[in-house]
PDB file of N, CA and C in Angstrom:
ATOM      1  N   UNK A   1    -208.452  14.522  -3.122  1.00  0.00           N
ATOM      2  CA  UNK A   1    -207.247  13.854  -2.670  1.00  0.00           C
ATOM      3  C   UNK A   1    -206.087  14.826  -2.804  1.00  0.00           C
ATOM      4  N   UNK A   2    -205.189  14.756  -1.860  1.00  0.00           N
ATOM      5  CA  UNK A   2    -203.992  15.582  -1.908  1.00  0.00           C
ATOM      6  C   UNK A   2    -202.792  14.702  -2.202  1.00  0.00           C
ATOM      7  N   UNK A   3    -201.895  15.220  -3.003  1.00  0.00           N
ATOM      8  CA  UNK A   3    -200.675  14.493  -3.310  1.00  0.00           C
ATOM      9  C   UNK A   3    -199.482  15.193  -2.691  1.00  0.00           C
ATOM     10  N   UNK A   4    -198.561  14.392  -2.187  1.00  0.00           N
ATOM     11  CA  UNK A   4    -197.315  14.899  -1.622  1.00  0.00           C
ATOM     12  C   UNK A   4    -196.170  14.171  -2.294  1.00  0.00           C
ATOM     13  N   UNK A   5    -195.040  14.855  -2.428  1.00  0.00           N
ATOM     14  CA  UNK A   5    -193.840  14.199  -2.902  1.00  0.00           C
ATOM     15  C   UNK A   5    -192.862  14.157  -1.731  1.00  0.00           C
ATOM     16  N   UNK A   6    -192.272  12.991  -1.522  1.00  0.00           N
ATOM     17  CA  UNK A   6    -191.296  12.831  -0.445  1.00  0.00           C
ATOM     18  C   UNK A   6    -189.984  13.475  -0.897  1.00  0.00           C
ATOM     19  N   UNK A   7    -189.526  14.463  -0.152  1.00  0.00           N
ATOM     20  CA  UNK A   7    -188.287  15.157  -0.501  1.00  0.00           C
ATOM     21  C   UNK A   7    -187.126  14.727   0.396  1.00  0.00           C
ATOM     22  N   UNK A   8    -187.426  13.967   1.460  1.00  0.00           N
ATOM     23  CA  UNK A   8    -186.392  13.507   2.388  1.00  0.00           C
ATOM     24  C   UNK A   8    -186.939  12.314   3.154  1.00  0.00           C
ATOM     25  N   UNK A   9    -186.297  11.162   3.019  1.00  0.00           N
ATOM     26  CA  UNK A   9    -186.768   9.983   3.740  1.00  0.00           C
ATOM     27  C   UNK A   9    -185.819   9.581   4.871  1.00  0.00           C
ATOM     28  N   UNK A  10    -184.936  10.482   5.271  1.00  0.00           N
ATOM     29  CA  UNK A  10    -183.971  10.201   6.327  1.00  0.00           C
ATOM     30  C   UNK A  10    -184.680   9.721   7.588  1.00  0.00           C
ATOM     31  N   UNK A  11    -184.273   8.568   8.063  1.00  0.00           N
ATOM     32  CA  UNK A  11    -184.870   7.978   9.245  1.00  0.00           C
ATOM     33  C   UNK A  11    -186.092   7.129   8.953  1.00  0.00           C
ATOM     34  N   UNK A  12    -186.569   7.188   7.718  1.00  0.00           N
ATOM     35  CA  UNK A  12    -187.763   6.435   7.329  1.00  0.00           C
ATOM     36  C   UNK A  12    -187.518   5.676   6.022  1.00  0.00           C
ATOM     37  N   UNK A  13    -186.282   5.252   5.804  1.00  0.00           N
ATOM     38  CA  UNK A  13    -185.900   4.624   4.546  1.00  0.00           C
ATOM     39  C   UNK A  13    -186.719   3.372   4.229  1.00  0.00           C
ATOM     40  N   UNK A  14    -187.145   2.635   5.249  1.00  0.00           N
ATOM     41  CA  UNK A  14    -187.907   1.407   5.023  1.00  0.00           C
ATOM     42  C   UNK A  14    -189.364   1.688   4.663  1.00  0.00           C
ATOM     43  N   UNK A  15    -189.871   2.857   5.054  1.00  0.00           N
ATOM     44  CA  UNK A  15    -191.291   3.119   4.834  1.00  0.00           C
ATOM     45  C   UNK A  15    -191.581   4.219   3.822  1.00  0.00           C
ATOM     46  N   UNK A  16    -190.573   5.021   3.470  1.00  0.00           N
ATOM     47  CA  UNK A  16    -190.769   6.098   2.495  1.00  0.00           C
ATOM     48  C   UNK A  16    -189.681   6.055   1.435  1.00  0.00           C
ATOM     49  N   UNK A  17    -190.047   6.389   0.224  1.00  0.00           N
ATOM     50  CA  UNK A  17    -189.108   6.429  -0.888  1.00  0.00           C
ATOM     51  C   UNK A  17    -188.974   7.882  -1.356  1.00  0.00           C
ATOM     52  N   UNK A  18    -187.751   8.400  -1.347  1.00  0.00           N
ATOM     53  CA  UNK A  18    -187.515   9.777  -1.784  1.00  0.00           C
ATOM     54  C   UNK A  18    -187.943   9.939  -3.241  1.00  0.00           C
ATOM     55  N   UNK A  19    -188.518  11.092  -3.562  1.00  0.00           N
ATOM     56  CA  UNK A  19    -188.978  11.468  -4.897  1.00  0.00           C
ATOM     57  C   UNK A  19    -190.199  10.676  -5.360  1.00  0.00           C
ATOM     58  N   UNK A  20    -190.890  10.026  -4.445  1.00  0.00           N
ATOM     59  CA  UNK A  20    -192.102   9.281  -4.792  1.00  0.00           C
ATOM     60  C   UNK A  20    -193.329  10.072  -4.354  1.00  0.00           C
ATOM     61  N   UNK A  21    -194.417   9.933  -5.128  1.00  0.00           N
ATOM     62  CA  UNK A  21    -195.685  10.571  -4.770  1.00  0.00           C
ATOM     63  C   UNK A  21    -196.425   9.723  -3.748  1.00  0.00           C
ATOM     64  N   UNK A  22    -197.032  10.412  -2.790  1.00  0.00           N
ATOM     65  CA  UNK A  22    -197.821   9.739  -1.760  1.00  0.00           C
ATOM     66  C   UNK A  22    -199.182  10.411  -1.645  1.00  0.00           C
ATOM     67  N   UNK A  23    -200.166   9.606  -1.325  1.00  0.00           N
ATOM     68  CA  UNK A  23    -201.514  10.098  -1.095  1.00  0.00           C
ATOM     69  C   UNK A  23    -201.611  10.588   0.341  1.00  0.00           C
ATOM     70  N   UNK A  24    -202.032  11.834   0.491  1.00  0.00           N
ATOM     71  CA  UNK A  24    -202.219  12.425   1.819  1.00  0.00           C
ATOM     72  C   UNK A  24    -203.650  12.164   2.271  1.00  0.00           C
ATOM     73  N   UNK A  25    -203.786  11.667   3.481  1.00  0.00           N
ATOM     74  CA  UNK A  25    -205.095  11.412   4.065  1.00  0.00           C
ATOM     75  C   UNK A  25    -205.373  12.477   5.120  1.00  0.00           C
ATOM     76  N   UNK A  26    -206.641  12.831   5.272  1.00  0.00           N
ATOM     77  CA  UNK A  26    -207.013  13.841   6.263  1.00  0.00           C
ATOM     78  C   UNK A  26    -206.740  13.335   7.675  1.00  0.00           C
ATOM     79  N   UNK A  27    -206.072  14.160   8.464  1.00  0.00           N
ATOM     80  CA  UNK A  27    -205.825  13.866   9.881  1.00  0.00           C
ATOM     81  C   UNK A  27    -205.581  15.192  10.584  1.00  0.00           C
ATOM     82  N   UNK A  28    -206.655  15.898  10.942  1.00  0.00           N
ATOM     83  CA  UNK A  28    -206.500  17.218  11.563  1.00  0.00           C
ATOM     84  C   UNK A  28    -205.640  17.203  12.826  1.00  0.00           C
ATOM     85  N   UNK A  29    -205.774  16.174  13.654  1.00  0.00           N
ATOM     86  CA  UNK A  29    -204.969  16.119  14.882  1.00  0.00           C
ATOM     87  C   UNK A  29    -203.488  15.967  14.545  1.00  0.00           C
ATOM     88  N   UNK A  30    -203.177  15.102  13.594  1.00  0.00           N
ATOM     89  CA  UNK A  30    -201.790  14.933  13.180  1.00  0.00           C
ATOM     90  C   UNK A  30    -201.202  16.216  12.623  1.00  0.00           C
ATOM     91  N   UNK A  31    -202.002  16.947  11.843  1.00  0.00           N
ATOM     92  CA  UNK A  31    -201.535  18.204  11.260  1.00  0.00           C
ATOM     93  C   UNK A  31    -201.221  19.229  12.340  1.00  0.00           C
ATOM     94  N   UNK A  32    -201.984  19.221  13.432  1.00  0.00           N
ATOM     95  CA  UNK A  32    -201.700  20.117  14.553  1.00  0.00           C
ATOM     96  C   UNK A  32    -200.330  19.820  15.159  1.00  0.00           C
ATOM     97  N   UNK A  33    -199.875  18.589  15.027  1.00  0.00           N
ATOM     98  CA  UNK A  33    -198.596  18.156  15.570  1.00  0.00           C
ATOM     99  C   UNK A  33    -197.460  18.252  14.551  1.00  0.00           C
ATOM    100  N   UNK A  34    -197.745  18.820  13.367  1.00  0.00           N
ATOM    101  CA  UNK A  34    -196.722  18.950  12.329  1.00  0.00           C
ATOM    102  C   UNK A  34    -196.471  17.659  11.565  1.00  0.00           C
ATOM    103  N   UNK A  35    -197.484  16.803  11.524  1.00  0.00           N
ATOM    104  CA  UNK A  35    -197.368  15.514  10.861  1.00  0.00           C
ATOM    105  C   UNK A  35    -198.370  15.433   9.715  1.00  0.00           C
ATOM    106  N   UNK A  36    -198.129  14.518   8.796  1.00  0.00           N
ATOM    107  CA  UNK A  36    -199.094  14.216   7.738  1.00  0.00           C
ATOM    108  C   UNK A  36    -199.303  12.703   7.716  1.00  0.00           C
ATOM    109  N   UNK A  37    -200.506  12.299   7.384  1.00  0.00           N
ATOM    110  CA  UNK A  37    -200.827  10.876   7.271  1.00  0.00           C
ATOM    111  C   UNK A  37    -200.769  10.496   5.800  1.00  0.00           C
ATOM    112  N   UNK A  38    -199.921   9.513   5.497  1.00  0.00           N
ATOM    113  CA  UNK A  38    -199.779   9.037   4.124  1.00  0.00           C
ATOM    114  C   UNK A  38    -199.832   7.516   4.099  1.00  0.00           C
ATOM    115  N   UNK A  39    -200.215   6.987   2.955  1.00  0.00           N
ATOM    116  CA  UNK A  39    -200.129   5.549   2.721  1.00  0.00           C
ATOM    117  C   UNK A  39    -198.694   5.298   2.283  1.00  0.00           C
ATOM    118  N   UNK A  40    -197.918   4.612   3.133  1.00  0.00           N
ATOM    119  CA  UNK A  40    -196.493   4.455   2.844  1.00  0.00           C
ATOM    120  C   UNK A  40    -196.196   3.118   2.168  1.00  0.00           C
ATOM    121  N   UNK A  41    -194.922   2.737   2.125  1.00  0.00           N
ATOM    122  CA  UNK A  41    -194.494   1.547   1.392  1.00  0.00           C
ATOM    123  C   UNK A  41    -195.071   0.256   1.955  1.00  0.00           C
ATOM    124  N   UNK A  42    -195.523   0.263   3.205  1.00  0.00           N
ATOM    125  CA  UNK A  42    -196.124  -0.937   3.794  1.00  0.00           C
ATOM    126  C   UNK A  42    -197.545  -1.156   3.286  1.00  0.00           C
ATOM    127  N   UNK A  43    -198.119  -0.125   2.631  1.00  0.00           N
ATOM    128  CA  UNK A  43    -199.497  -0.198   2.175  1.00  0.00           C
ATOM    129  C   UNK A  43    -200.482   0.270   3.228  1.00  0.00           C
ATOM    130  N   UNK A  44    -199.971   0.619   4.384  1.00  0.00           N
ATOM    131  CA  UNK A  44    -200.797   1.125   5.487  1.00  0.00           C
ATOM    132  C   UNK A  44    -200.603   2.626   5.593  1.00  0.00           C
ATOM    133  N   UNK A  45    -201.524   3.286   6.298  1.00  0.00           N
ATOM    134  CA  UNK A  45    -201.364   4.722   6.490  1.00  0.00           C
ATOM    135  C   UNK A  45    -200.766   5.006   7.865  1.00  0.00           C
ATOM    136  N   UNK A  46    -199.777   5.899   7.876  1.00  0.00           N
ATOM    137  CA  UNK A  46    -199.066   6.275   9.090  1.00  0.00           C
ATOM    138  C   UNK A  46    -198.795   7.764   9.079  1.00  0.00           C
ATOM    139  N   UNK A  47    -198.572   8.294  10.268  1.00  0.00           N
ATOM    140  CA  UNK A  47    -198.156   9.688  10.400  1.00  0.00           C
ATOM    141  C   UNK A  47    -196.658   9.786  10.191  1.00  0.00           C
ATOM    142  N   UNK A  48    -196.255  10.791   9.437  1.00  0.00           N
ATOM    143  CA  UNK A  48    -194.841  11.089   9.216  1.00  0.00           C
ATOM    144  C   UNK A  48    -194.663  12.593   9.353  1.00  0.00           C
ATOM    145  N   UNK A  49    -193.454  13.046   9.689  1.00  0.00           N
ATOM    146  CA  UNK A  49    -193.222  14.493   9.787  1.00  0.00           C
ATOM    147  C   UNK A  49    -193.535  15.195   8.462  1.00  0.00           C
ATOM    148  N   UNK A  50    -194.286  16.272   8.539  1.00  0.00           N
ATOM    149  CA  UNK A  50    -194.659  17.032   7.342  1.00  0.00           C
ATOM    150  C   UNK A  50    -193.437  17.578   6.619  1.00  0.00           C
ATOM    151  N   UNK A  51    -192.352  17.801   7.347  1.00  0.00           N
ATOM    152  CA  UNK A  51    -191.140  18.362   6.743  1.00  0.00           C
ATOM    153  C   UNK A  51    -190.508  17.434   5.708  1.00  0.00           C
ATOM    154  N   UNK A  52    -190.908  16.184   5.676  1.00  0.00           N
ATOM    155  CA  UNK A  52    -190.362  15.226   4.710  1.00  0.00           C
ATOM    156  C   UNK A  52    -191.031  15.316   3.345  1.00  0.00           C
ATOM    157  N   UNK A  53    -192.087  16.119   3.254  1.00  0.00           N
ATOM    158  CA  UNK A  53    -192.913  16.176   2.049  1.00  0.00           C
ATOM    159  C   UNK A  53    -193.125  17.605   1.568  1.00  0.00           C
ATOM    160  N   UNK A  54    -193.439  17.702   0.280  1.00  0.00           N
ATOM    161  CA  UNK A  54    -193.894  18.947  -0.320  1.00  0.00           C
ATOM    162  C   UNK A  54    -195.155  18.625  -1.107  1.00  0.00           C
ATOM    163  N   UNK A  55    -196.152  19.517  -1.068  1.00  0.00           N
ATOM    164  CA  UNK A  55    -197.368  19.263  -1.852  1.00  0.00           C
ATOM    165  C   UNK A  55    -197.079  19.359  -3.345  1.00  0.00           C
ATOM    166  N   UNK A  56    -197.800  18.590  -4.106  1.00  0.00           N
ATOM    167  CA  UNK A  56    -197.679  18.636  -5.556  1.00  0.00           C
ATOM    168  C   UNK A  56    -199.092  18.699  -6.124  1.00  0.00           C
ATOM    169  N   UNK A  57    -199.290  19.530  -7.112  1.00  0.00           N
ATOM    170  CA  UNK A  57    -200.611  19.724  -7.685  1.00  0.00           C
ATOM    171  C   UNK A  57    -200.624  19.217  -9.123  1.00  0.00           C
ATOM    172  N   UNK A  58    -201.561  18.335  -9.392  1.00  0.00           N
ATOM    173  CA  UNK A  58    -201.763  17.810 -10.744  1.00  0.00           C
ATOM    174  C   UNK A  58    -203.256  17.920 -11.043  1.00  0.00           C
ATOM    175  N   UNK A  59    -203.594  17.816 -12.290  1.00  0.00           N
ATOM    176  CA  UNK A  59    -204.998  17.861 -12.676  1.00  0.00           C
ATOM    177  C   UNK A  59    -205.766  16.678 -12.089  1.00  0.00           C
ATOM    178  N   UNK A  60    -207.052  16.870 -11.913  1.00  0.00           N
ATOM    179  CA  UNK A  60    -207.912  15.849 -11.312  1.00  0.00           C
ATOM    180  C   UNK A  60    -207.878  14.535 -12.099  1.00  0.00           C
ATOM    181  N   UNK A  61    -207.880  14.647 -13.415  1.00  0.00           N
ATOM    182  CA  UNK A  61    -207.863  13.446 -14.265  1.00  0.00           C
ATOM    183  C   UNK A  61    -206.581  12.642 -14.061  1.00  0.00           C
ATOM    184  N   UNK A  62    -205.441  13.324 -14.039  1.00  0.00           N
ATOM    185  CA  UNK A  62    -204.166  12.638 -13.830  1.00  0.00           C
ATOM    186  C   UNK A  62    -204.112  12.038 -12.429  1.00  0.00           C
ATOM    187  N   UNK A  63    -204.586  12.762 -11.455  1.00  0.00           N
ATOM    188  CA  UNK A  63    -204.588  12.250 -10.087  1.00  0.00           C
ATOM    189  C   UNK A  63    -205.387  10.953  -9.991  1.00  0.00           C
ATOM    190  N   UNK A  64    -206.537  10.905 -10.616  1.00  0.00           N
ATOM    191  CA  UNK A  64    -207.350   9.678 -10.611  1.00  0.00           C
ATOM    192  C   UNK A  64    -206.591   8.531 -11.269  1.00  0.00           C
ATOM    193  N   UNK A  65    -205.912   8.820 -12.357  1.00  0.00           N
ATOM    194  CA  UNK A  65    -205.163   7.771 -13.073  1.00  0.00           C
ATOM    195  C   UNK A  65    -203.977   7.272 -12.249  1.00  0.00           C
ATOM    196  N   UNK A  66    -203.308   8.195 -11.565  1.00  0.00           N
ATOM    197  CA  UNK A  66    -202.153   7.811 -10.765  1.00  0.00           C
ATOM    198  C   UNK A  66    -202.524   6.825  -9.663  1.00  0.00           C
ATOM    199  N   UNK A  67    -203.700   7.019  -9.080  1.00  0.00           N
ATOM    200  CA  UNK A  67    -204.091   6.200  -7.939  1.00  0.00           C
ATOM    201  C   UNK A  67    -205.222   5.238  -8.257  1.00  0.00           C
ATOM    202  N   UNK A  68    -205.492   4.978  -9.537  1.00  0.00           N
ATOM    203  CA  UNK A  68    -206.547   4.041  -9.916  1.00  0.00           C
ATOM    204  C   UNK A  68    -206.245   2.661  -9.385  1.00  0.00           C
ATOM    205  N   UNK A  69    -204.996   2.258  -9.392  1.00  0.00           N
ATOM    206  CA  UNK A  69    -204.602   0.930  -8.906  1.00  0.00           C
ATOM    207  C   UNK A  69    -204.789   0.805  -7.404  1.00  0.00           C
ATOM    208  N   UNK A  70    -204.688   1.916  -6.685  1.00  0.00           N
ATOM    209  CA  UNK A  70    -204.752   1.885  -5.216  1.00  0.00           C
ATOM    210  C   UNK A  70    -206.180   1.724  -4.716  1.00  0.00           C
ATOM    211  N   UNK A  71    -207.152   2.051  -5.547  1.00  0.00           N
ATOM    212  CA  UNK A  71    -208.555   2.012  -5.080  1.00  0.00           C
ATOM    213  C   UNK A  71    -209.108   0.609  -5.048  1.00  0.00           C
TER     214      UNK A  71
END
């Protein structure tokens, strides 16, 4: 699993929260378009501009704990 932190939610205030961690889902076609697929505040996964996020790296154990509730 990849984690991203939202660094800018301009234009997406209802679906993204700045400074929040998001789970990145694989979407090769979206990535070709400069987008990333994340599970946003609606609980659904959507494409958002990659420029709104920065990758964040945490240990595997912490990552599992962070998203244990989401599974």
